[in-house]
């Protein structure tokens, strides 16, 4: 299951992401917002990130105007590796090398067509493991307050 969240600036792009998920037959839970009324993205981004961190959802996609704020919020939740992507290559690499469990995008930064390509690449790219697992483990260690050296 994919967790979704957005702010008022990204409602239209979230609707396009929902279409992609539905076309692929992927289950999702929409954590809001549901209107174009001005709102606070930390509320919705945190809801989606907590669903991923708890295991309720496998991965998540969060969207705000730039993608920056909502990615920062998601990354404050323990266990989340949220990557802000504005291009397909980054979306592939964040899955392959970082095992990102959340994708952030900026609705005011990228167009719908590139967003669709980014989502597809992120959904379809597997984690490579190997030497990259060591690095993901290091990220987790830092998150747990451990020293790397």
N, C-alpha and C. Protein backbone atom coordinates (compact mmCIF):
# COMPACT_ATOMS: atom_id res chain seq x y z
N UNK A 1 0.85 -1.18 0.00
CA UNK A 1 0.00 0.00 0.00
C UNK A 1 0.89 1.24 0.00
N UNK A 2 0.46 2.23 -0.75
CA UNK A 2 1.20 3.49 -0.88
C UNK A 2 0.47 4.57 -0.08
N UNK A 3 1.20 5.26 0.79
CA UNK A 3 0.66 6.41 1.52
C UNK A 3 0.81 7.64 0.64
N UNK A 4 -0.22 8.45 0.59
CA UNK A 4 -0.19 9.70 -0.19
C UNK A 4 -0.52 10.87 0.71
N UNK A 5 0.10 12.01 0.42
CA UNK A 5 -0.25 13.24 1.12
C UNK A 5 0.20 14.42 0.28
N UNK A 6 -0.49 15.53 0.47
CA UNK A 6 -0.12 16.76 -0.23
C UNK A 6 -0.66 17.95 0.53
N UNK A 7 -0.23 19.13 0.09
CA UNK A 7 -0.84 20.35 0.59
C UNK A 7 -1.73 20.92 -0.52
N UNK A 8 -2.28 22.10 -0.28
CA UNK A 8 -3.20 22.72 -1.22
C UNK A 8 -2.58 22.99 -2.58
N UNK A 9 -1.29 23.24 -2.62
CA UNK A 9 -0.61 23.56 -3.88
C UNK A 9 -0.46 22.34 -4.78
N UNK A 10 -0.60 21.15 -4.20
CA UNK A 10 -0.29 19.93 -4.94
C UNK A 10 -1.50 19.01 -5.13
N UNK A 11 -2.67 19.50 -4.86
CA UNK A 11 -3.88 18.65 -4.95
C UNK A 11 -4.06 18.07 -6.35
N UNK A 12 -3.85 18.88 -7.38
CA UNK A 12 -4.03 18.39 -8.75
C UNK A 12 -3.00 17.33 -9.11
N UNK A 13 -1.76 17.53 -8.69
CA UNK A 13 -0.73 16.53 -8.99
C UNK A 13 -0.98 15.24 -8.23
N UNK A 14 -1.47 15.35 -7.00
CA UNK A 14 -1.80 14.14 -6.24
C UNK A 14 -2.88 13.35 -6.97
N UNK A 15 -3.84 14.03 -7.57
CA UNK A 15 -4.89 13.34 -8.34
C UNK A 15 -4.30 12.57 -9.51
N UNK A 16 -3.27 13.12 -10.13
CA UNK A 16 -2.59 12.42 -11.24
C UNK A 16 -1.84 11.19 -10.72
N UNK A 17 -1.23 11.32 -9.56
CA UNK A 17 -0.53 10.18 -8.96
C UNK A 17 -1.53 9.08 -8.62
N UNK A 18 -2.67 9.46 -8.11
CA UNK A 18 -3.72 8.48 -7.81
C UNK A 18 -4.11 7.72 -9.08
N UNK A 19 -4.24 8.41 -10.19
CA UNK A 19 -4.56 7.74 -11.46
C UNK A 19 -3.51 6.69 -11.81
N UNK A 20 -2.23 7.04 -11.62
CA UNK A 20 -1.14 6.10 -11.91
C UNK A 20 -1.28 4.86 -11.04
N UNK A 21 -1.50 5.08 -9.75
CA UNK A 21 -1.61 3.95 -8.83
C UNK A 21 -2.81 3.07 -9.18
N UNK A 22 -3.92 3.71 -9.51
CA UNK A 22 -5.11 2.94 -9.88
C UNK A 22 -4.90 2.16 -11.18
N UNK A 23 -4.24 2.77 -12.16
CA UNK A 23 -3.94 2.07 -13.42
C UNK A 23 -3.06 0.85 -13.18
N UNK A 24 -2.20 0.93 -12.19
CA UNK A 24 -1.30 -0.18 -11.87
C UNK A 24 -1.93 -1.17 -10.90
N UNK A 25 -3.12 -0.87 -10.42
CA UNK A 25 -3.78 -1.75 -9.46
C UNK A 25 -3.14 -1.72 -8.09
N UNK A 26 -2.48 -0.61 -7.75
CA UNK A 26 -1.82 -0.49 -6.46
C UNK A 26 -2.75 0.17 -5.44
N UNK A 27 -2.82 -0.44 -4.28
CA UNK A 27 -3.62 0.13 -3.20
C UNK A 27 -2.92 1.35 -2.63
N UNK A 28 -3.72 2.31 -2.16
CA UNK A 28 -3.16 3.51 -1.55
C UNK A 28 -4.09 4.02 -0.47
N UNK A 29 -3.52 4.82 0.41
CA UNK A 29 -4.32 5.55 1.40
C UNK A 29 -3.95 7.01 1.28
N UNK A 30 -4.95 7.84 1.15
CA UNK A 30 -4.78 9.27 0.98
C UNK A 30 -4.94 9.96 2.33
N UNK A 31 -3.85 10.55 2.82
CA UNK A 31 -3.85 11.19 4.13
C UNK A 31 -4.14 12.69 4.06
N UNK A 32 -4.58 13.18 2.90
CA UNK A 32 -4.97 14.56 2.77
C UNK A 32 -3.87 15.40 2.15
N UNK A 33 -4.16 16.60 1.97
CA UNK A 33 -5.37 17.34 2.10
C UNK A 33 -6.31 17.00 0.96
N UNK A 34 -7.54 17.43 1.08
CA UNK A 34 -8.56 17.09 0.09
C UNK A 34 -9.18 18.31 -0.59
N UNK A 35 -8.71 19.51 -0.24
CA UNK A 35 -9.23 20.73 -0.83
C UNK A 35 -8.07 21.66 -1.19
N UNK A 36 -8.40 22.71 -1.93
CA UNK A 36 -7.38 23.71 -2.27
C UNK A 36 -7.30 24.83 -1.23
N UNK A 37 -8.02 24.67 -0.12
CA UNK A 37 -7.91 25.66 0.96
C UNK A 37 -6.50 25.62 1.54
N UNK A 38 -5.95 26.78 1.82
CA UNK A 38 -4.61 26.85 2.38
C UNK A 38 -4.50 25.98 3.63
N UNK A 39 -3.43 25.20 3.71
CA UNK A 39 -3.27 24.28 4.84
C UNK A 39 -1.79 24.18 5.22
N UNK A 40 -1.52 23.38 6.22
CA UNK A 40 -0.17 23.19 6.72
C UNK A 40 0.33 21.81 6.31
N UNK A 41 1.27 21.76 5.38
CA UNK A 41 1.78 20.49 4.87
C UNK A 41 2.38 19.57 5.93
N UNK A 42 2.94 20.10 7.05
CA UNK A 42 3.50 19.16 8.03
C UNK A 42 2.46 18.16 8.58
N UNK A 43 1.22 18.59 8.70
CA UNK A 43 0.18 17.69 9.21
C UNK A 43 0.03 16.48 8.30
N UNK A 44 -0.10 16.72 7.02
CA UNK A 44 -0.38 15.65 6.06
C UNK A 44 0.86 14.82 5.76
N UNK A 45 2.00 15.48 5.64
CA UNK A 45 3.25 14.75 5.41
C UNK A 45 3.58 13.82 6.56
N UNK A 46 3.35 14.28 7.79
CA UNK A 46 3.62 13.44 8.96
C UNK A 46 2.67 12.25 9.01
N UNK A 47 1.42 12.46 8.66
CA UNK A 47 0.47 11.33 8.65
C UNK A 47 0.93 10.24 7.70
N UNK A 48 1.33 10.62 6.51
CA UNK A 48 1.78 9.64 5.52
C UNK A 48 3.07 8.97 5.97
N UNK A 49 4.01 9.75 6.48
CA UNK A 49 5.29 9.18 6.91
C UNK A 49 5.11 8.22 8.09
N UNK A 50 4.25 8.56 9.01
CA UNK A 50 3.99 7.67 10.14
C UNK A 50 3.36 6.36 9.68
N UNK A 51 2.53 6.42 8.65
CA UNK A 51 1.93 5.19 8.12
C UNK A 51 2.99 4.28 7.50
N UNK A 52 3.97 4.89 6.84
CA UNK A 52 5.07 4.10 6.25
C UNK A 52 5.97 3.57 7.37
N UNK A 53 6.33 4.41 8.31
CA UNK A 53 7.23 4.00 9.40
C UNK A 53 6.63 2.88 10.24
N UNK A 54 5.32 2.90 10.40
CA UNK A 54 4.65 1.88 11.23
C UNK A 54 4.46 0.56 10.49
N UNK A 55 4.62 0.59 9.17
CA UNK A 55 4.39 -0.61 8.38
C UNK A 55 2.98 -0.72 7.84
N UNK A 56 2.12 0.23 8.20
CA UNK A 56 0.76 0.24 7.66
C UNK A 56 0.79 0.37 6.14
N UNK A 57 1.72 1.19 5.65
CA UNK A 57 1.93 1.36 4.21
C UNK A 57 3.37 0.96 3.88
N UNK A 58 3.56 0.42 2.69
CA UNK A 58 4.89 -0.03 2.28
C UNK A 58 5.81 1.13 1.91
N UNK A 59 5.26 2.09 1.19
CA UNK A 59 6.00 3.27 0.74
C UNK A 59 5.04 4.44 0.70
N UNK A 60 5.60 5.63 0.45
CA UNK A 60 4.75 6.81 0.40
C UNK A 60 5.21 7.82 -0.62
N UNK A 61 4.24 8.61 -1.09
CA UNK A 61 4.51 9.71 -2.01
C UNK A 61 3.88 10.96 -1.42
N UNK A 62 4.69 12.00 -1.25
CA UNK A 62 4.22 13.25 -0.67
C UNK A 62 4.57 14.41 -1.60
N UNK A 63 3.68 15.38 -1.67
CA UNK A 63 3.84 16.47 -2.63
C UNK A 63 3.41 17.79 -1.99
N UNK A 64 4.23 18.82 -2.18
CA UNK A 64 3.83 20.17 -1.82
C UNK A 64 4.27 21.09 -2.95
N UNK A 65 4.26 22.38 -2.74
CA UNK A 65 4.62 23.30 -3.82
C UNK A 65 6.00 23.06 -4.39
N UNK A 66 7.00 22.98 -3.52
CA UNK A 66 8.37 22.71 -3.97
C UNK A 66 8.81 21.28 -3.70
N UNK A 67 8.14 20.61 -2.79
CA UNK A 67 8.56 19.28 -2.35
C UNK A 67 9.54 19.34 -1.20
N UNK A 68 10.12 20.50 -0.97
CA UNK A 68 11.15 20.63 0.05
C UNK A 68 10.57 20.48 1.45
N UNK A 69 9.58 21.28 1.76
CA UNK A 69 9.00 21.25 3.10
C UNK A 69 8.46 19.89 3.49
N UNK A 70 7.69 19.30 2.60
CA UNK A 70 7.06 18.03 2.94
C UNK A 70 8.08 16.90 3.02
N UNK A 71 9.18 17.00 2.27
CA UNK A 71 10.25 15.99 2.40
C UNK A 71 10.97 16.15 3.73
N UNK A 72 11.17 17.38 4.17
CA UNK A 72 11.78 17.61 5.48
C UNK A 72 10.92 17.02 6.59
N UNK A 73 9.62 17.23 6.50
CA UNK A 73 8.69 16.69 7.49
C UNK A 73 8.78 15.16 7.51
N UNK A 74 8.69 14.54 6.35
CA UNK A 74 8.72 13.08 6.29
C UNK A 74 10.00 12.54 6.90
N UNK A 75 11.12 13.19 6.63
CA UNK A 75 12.40 12.71 7.13
C UNK A 75 12.59 12.92 8.64
N UNK A 76 11.70 13.64 9.27
CA UNK A 76 11.75 13.78 10.74
C UNK A 76 11.17 12.55 11.43
N UNK A 77 10.47 11.70 10.69
CA UNK A 77 9.88 10.50 11.26
C UNK A 77 10.89 9.36 11.20
N UNK A 78 11.17 8.77 12.33
CA UNK A 78 12.17 7.70 12.41
C UNK A 78 11.82 6.57 11.45
N UNK A 79 12.82 6.16 10.68
CA UNK A 79 12.64 5.06 9.74
C UNK A 79 12.31 5.49 8.33
N UNK A 80 12.16 6.79 8.12
CA UNK A 80 11.81 7.29 6.79
C UNK A 80 13.06 7.76 6.06
N UNK A 81 13.14 7.36 4.80
CA UNK A 81 14.17 7.84 3.88
C UNK A 81 13.41 8.43 2.68
N UNK A 82 13.08 9.70 2.82
CA UNK A 82 12.29 10.40 1.79
C UNK A 82 13.22 11.20 0.91
N UNK A 83 13.07 11.01 -0.39
CA UNK A 83 13.92 11.72 -1.35
C UNK A 83 13.08 12.63 -2.23
N UNK A 84 13.50 13.87 -2.32
CA UNK A 84 12.87 14.85 -3.20
C UNK A 84 13.45 14.65 -4.59
N UNK A 85 12.61 14.35 -5.55
CA UNK A 85 13.08 14.09 -6.91
C UNK A 85 12.36 15.00 -7.91
N UNK A 86 13.16 15.56 -8.82
CA UNK A 86 12.63 16.39 -9.91
C UNK A 86 13.03 15.83 -11.27
N UNK A 87 13.67 14.66 -11.26
CA UNK A 87 14.06 14.02 -12.52
C UNK A 87 14.02 12.51 -12.35
N UNK A 88 13.92 11.80 -13.46
CA UNK A 88 13.78 10.35 -13.47
C UNK A 88 15.03 9.66 -12.94
N UNK A 89 16.20 10.13 -13.33
CA UNK A 89 17.44 9.49 -12.89
C UNK A 89 17.54 9.47 -11.37
N UNK A 90 17.25 10.58 -10.73
CA UNK A 90 17.30 10.64 -9.27
C UNK A 90 16.29 9.69 -8.64
N UNK A 91 15.12 9.58 -9.23
CA UNK A 91 14.09 8.67 -8.72
C UNK A 91 14.59 7.23 -8.77
N UNK A 92 15.24 6.85 -9.86
CA UNK A 92 15.79 5.50 -9.98
C UNK A 92 16.91 5.28 -8.96
N UNK A 93 17.82 6.23 -8.86
CA UNK A 93 18.98 6.06 -7.99
C UNK A 93 18.60 6.05 -6.51
N UNK A 94 17.59 6.83 -6.13
CA UNK A 94 17.22 6.84 -4.72
C UNK A 94 16.61 5.51 -4.29
N UNK A 95 15.99 4.82 -5.22
CA UNK A 95 15.49 3.47 -4.91
C UNK A 95 16.64 2.46 -4.97
N UNK A 96 17.43 2.51 -6.02
CA UNK A 96 18.48 1.52 -6.24
C UNK A 96 19.57 1.59 -5.17
N UNK A 97 19.94 2.81 -4.77
CA UNK A 97 21.08 2.97 -3.87
C UNK A 97 20.70 3.33 -2.44
N UNK A 98 19.58 4.02 -2.24
CA UNK A 98 19.22 4.48 -0.89
C UNK A 98 18.02 3.75 -0.31
N UNK A 99 17.39 2.88 -1.09
CA UNK A 99 16.18 2.17 -0.65
C UNK A 99 15.17 3.15 -0.07
N UNK A 100 14.99 4.29 -0.76
CA UNK A 100 14.05 5.28 -0.24
C UNK A 100 12.66 4.67 -0.12
N UNK A 101 12.01 4.98 0.99
CA UNK A 101 10.66 4.46 1.19
C UNK A 101 9.60 5.54 1.01
N UNK A 102 10.05 6.75 0.72
CA UNK A 102 9.11 7.82 0.39
C UNK A 102 9.71 8.70 -0.71
N UNK A 103 8.84 9.14 -1.58
CA UNK A 103 9.17 10.04 -2.68
C UNK A 103 8.48 11.37 -2.44
N UNK A 104 9.21 12.45 -2.59
CA UNK A 104 8.63 13.79 -2.52
C UNK A 104 8.80 14.47 -3.87
N UNK A 105 7.80 15.26 -4.24
CA UNK A 105 7.85 16.03 -5.49
C UNK A 105 7.29 17.42 -5.25
N UNK A 106 7.70 18.35 -6.10
CA UNK A 106 7.21 19.72 -6.02
C UNK A 106 6.26 20.02 -7.16
N UNK A 107 5.00 20.23 -6.85
CA UNK A 107 3.99 20.48 -7.87
C UNK A 107 4.23 21.77 -8.64
N UNK A 108 4.89 22.73 -8.03
CA UNK A 108 5.19 24.00 -8.69
C UNK A 108 6.55 23.98 -9.39
N UNK A 109 7.23 22.85 -9.30
CA UNK A 109 8.57 22.72 -9.86
C UNK A 109 8.57 21.87 -11.12
N UNK A 110 7.81 20.79 -11.10
CA UNK A 110 7.78 19.86 -12.24
C UNK A 110 6.38 19.79 -12.83
N UNK A 111 6.31 19.44 -14.08
CA UNK A 111 5.03 19.27 -14.74
C UNK A 111 4.47 17.87 -14.52
N UNK A 112 3.23 17.70 -14.92
CA UNK A 112 2.53 16.43 -14.73
C UNK A 112 3.23 15.28 -15.44
N UNK A 113 3.67 15.48 -16.67
CA UNK A 113 4.26 14.38 -17.43
C UNK A 113 5.56 13.89 -16.81
N UNK A 114 6.43 14.80 -16.38
CA UNK A 114 7.67 14.37 -15.74
C UNK A 114 7.36 13.73 -14.39
N UNK A 115 6.35 14.24 -13.70
CA UNK A 115 5.95 13.63 -12.42
C UNK A 115 5.52 12.18 -12.63
N UNK A 116 4.78 11.93 -13.69
CA UNK A 116 4.35 10.55 -13.98
C UNK A 116 5.55 9.65 -14.23
N UNK A 117 6.53 10.16 -14.96
CA UNK A 117 7.74 9.37 -15.24
C UNK A 117 8.54 9.13 -13.95
N UNK A 118 8.61 10.13 -13.10
CA UNK A 118 9.32 9.99 -11.83
C UNK A 118 8.65 8.94 -10.97
N UNK A 119 7.34 9.00 -10.85
CA UNK A 119 6.60 8.03 -10.03
C UNK A 119 6.81 6.62 -10.58
N UNK A 120 6.70 6.46 -11.89
CA UNK A 120 6.89 5.13 -12.49
C UNK A 120 8.29 4.60 -12.22
N UNK A 121 9.30 5.43 -12.39
CA UNK A 121 10.68 5.01 -12.15
C UNK A 121 10.87 4.62 -10.69
N UNK A 122 10.33 5.41 -9.80
CA UNK A 122 10.48 5.16 -8.36
C UNK A 122 9.76 3.88 -7.95
N UNK A 123 8.58 3.67 -8.49
CA UNK A 123 7.84 2.45 -8.16
C UNK A 123 8.50 1.20 -8.74
N UNK A 124 9.09 1.32 -9.91
CA UNK A 124 9.60 0.14 -10.64
C UNK A 124 11.04 -0.24 -10.31
N UNK A 125 11.80 0.65 -9.71
CA UNK A 125 13.21 0.38 -9.47
C UNK A 125 13.41 -0.33 -8.14
N UNK A 126 14.03 -1.50 -8.17
CA UNK A 126 14.30 -2.22 -6.91
C UNK A 126 15.57 -1.72 -6.24
N UNK A 127 15.67 -1.97 -4.95
CA UNK A 127 16.88 -1.68 -4.19
C UNK A 127 17.94 -2.71 -4.56
N UNK A 128 19.15 -2.25 -4.84
CA UNK A 128 20.23 -3.14 -5.27
C UNK A 128 20.90 -3.88 -4.11
N UNK A 129 20.78 -3.37 -2.89
CA UNK A 129 21.42 -4.03 -1.76
C UNK A 129 22.93 -3.97 -1.86
N UNK A 130 23.61 -5.04 -1.44
CA UNK A 130 25.07 -5.08 -1.51
C UNK A 130 25.72 -3.95 -0.75
N UNK A 131 26.68 -3.29 -1.39
CA UNK A 131 27.40 -2.19 -0.72
C UNK A 131 26.46 -1.07 -0.33
N UNK A 132 25.33 -0.96 -1.03
CA UNK A 132 24.36 0.09 -0.71
C UNK A 132 23.64 -0.20 0.60
N UNK A 133 23.46 -1.48 0.92
CA UNK A 133 22.84 -1.84 2.20
C UNK A 133 23.69 -1.35 3.36
N UNK A 134 25.00 -1.45 3.22
CA UNK A 134 25.90 -0.95 4.26
C UNK A 134 25.67 0.53 4.51
N UNK A 135 25.47 1.27 3.44
CA UNK A 135 25.26 2.72 3.57
C UNK A 135 23.89 3.04 4.16
N UNK A 136 22.89 2.28 3.77
CA UNK A 136 21.56 2.47 4.36
C UNK A 136 21.63 2.15 5.85
N UNK A 137 22.36 1.11 6.21
CA UNK A 137 22.54 0.77 7.63
C UNK A 137 23.23 1.90 8.38
N UNK A 138 24.15 2.59 7.73
CA UNK A 138 24.83 3.73 8.35
C UNK A 138 23.85 4.88 8.59
N UNK A 139 22.97 5.10 7.64
CA UNK A 139 21.95 6.14 7.82
C UNK A 139 21.07 5.81 9.02
N UNK A 140 20.68 4.55 9.12
CA UNK A 140 19.85 4.11 10.24
C UNK A 140 20.61 4.27 11.56
N UNK A 141 21.89 3.95 11.55
CA UNK A 141 22.70 4.11 12.76
C UNK A 141 22.73 5.57 13.21
N UNK A 142 22.91 6.48 12.28
CA UNK A 142 22.89 7.91 12.61
C UNK A 142 21.55 8.31 13.19
N UNK A 143 20.50 7.82 12.57
CA UNK A 143 19.14 8.12 13.06
C UNK A 143 18.95 7.63 14.49
N UNK A 144 19.63 6.55 14.83
CA UNK A 144 19.53 5.98 16.18
C UNK A 144 20.53 6.59 17.15
N UNK A 145 21.23 7.64 16.72
CA UNK A 145 22.16 8.34 17.59
C UNK A 145 23.52 7.69 17.72
N UNK A 146 23.81 6.73 16.86
CA UNK A 146 25.09 6.04 16.93
C UNK A 146 26.16 6.80 16.15
N UNK A 147 27.39 6.56 16.50
CA UNK A 147 28.53 7.13 15.80
C UNK A 147 28.89 6.21 14.64
N UNK A 148 29.40 6.76 13.57
CA UNK A 148 29.80 5.94 12.42
C UNK A 148 31.24 5.47 12.50
N UNK A 149 32.06 6.14 13.28
CA UNK A 149 33.47 5.75 13.39
C UNK A 149 33.86 5.55 14.82
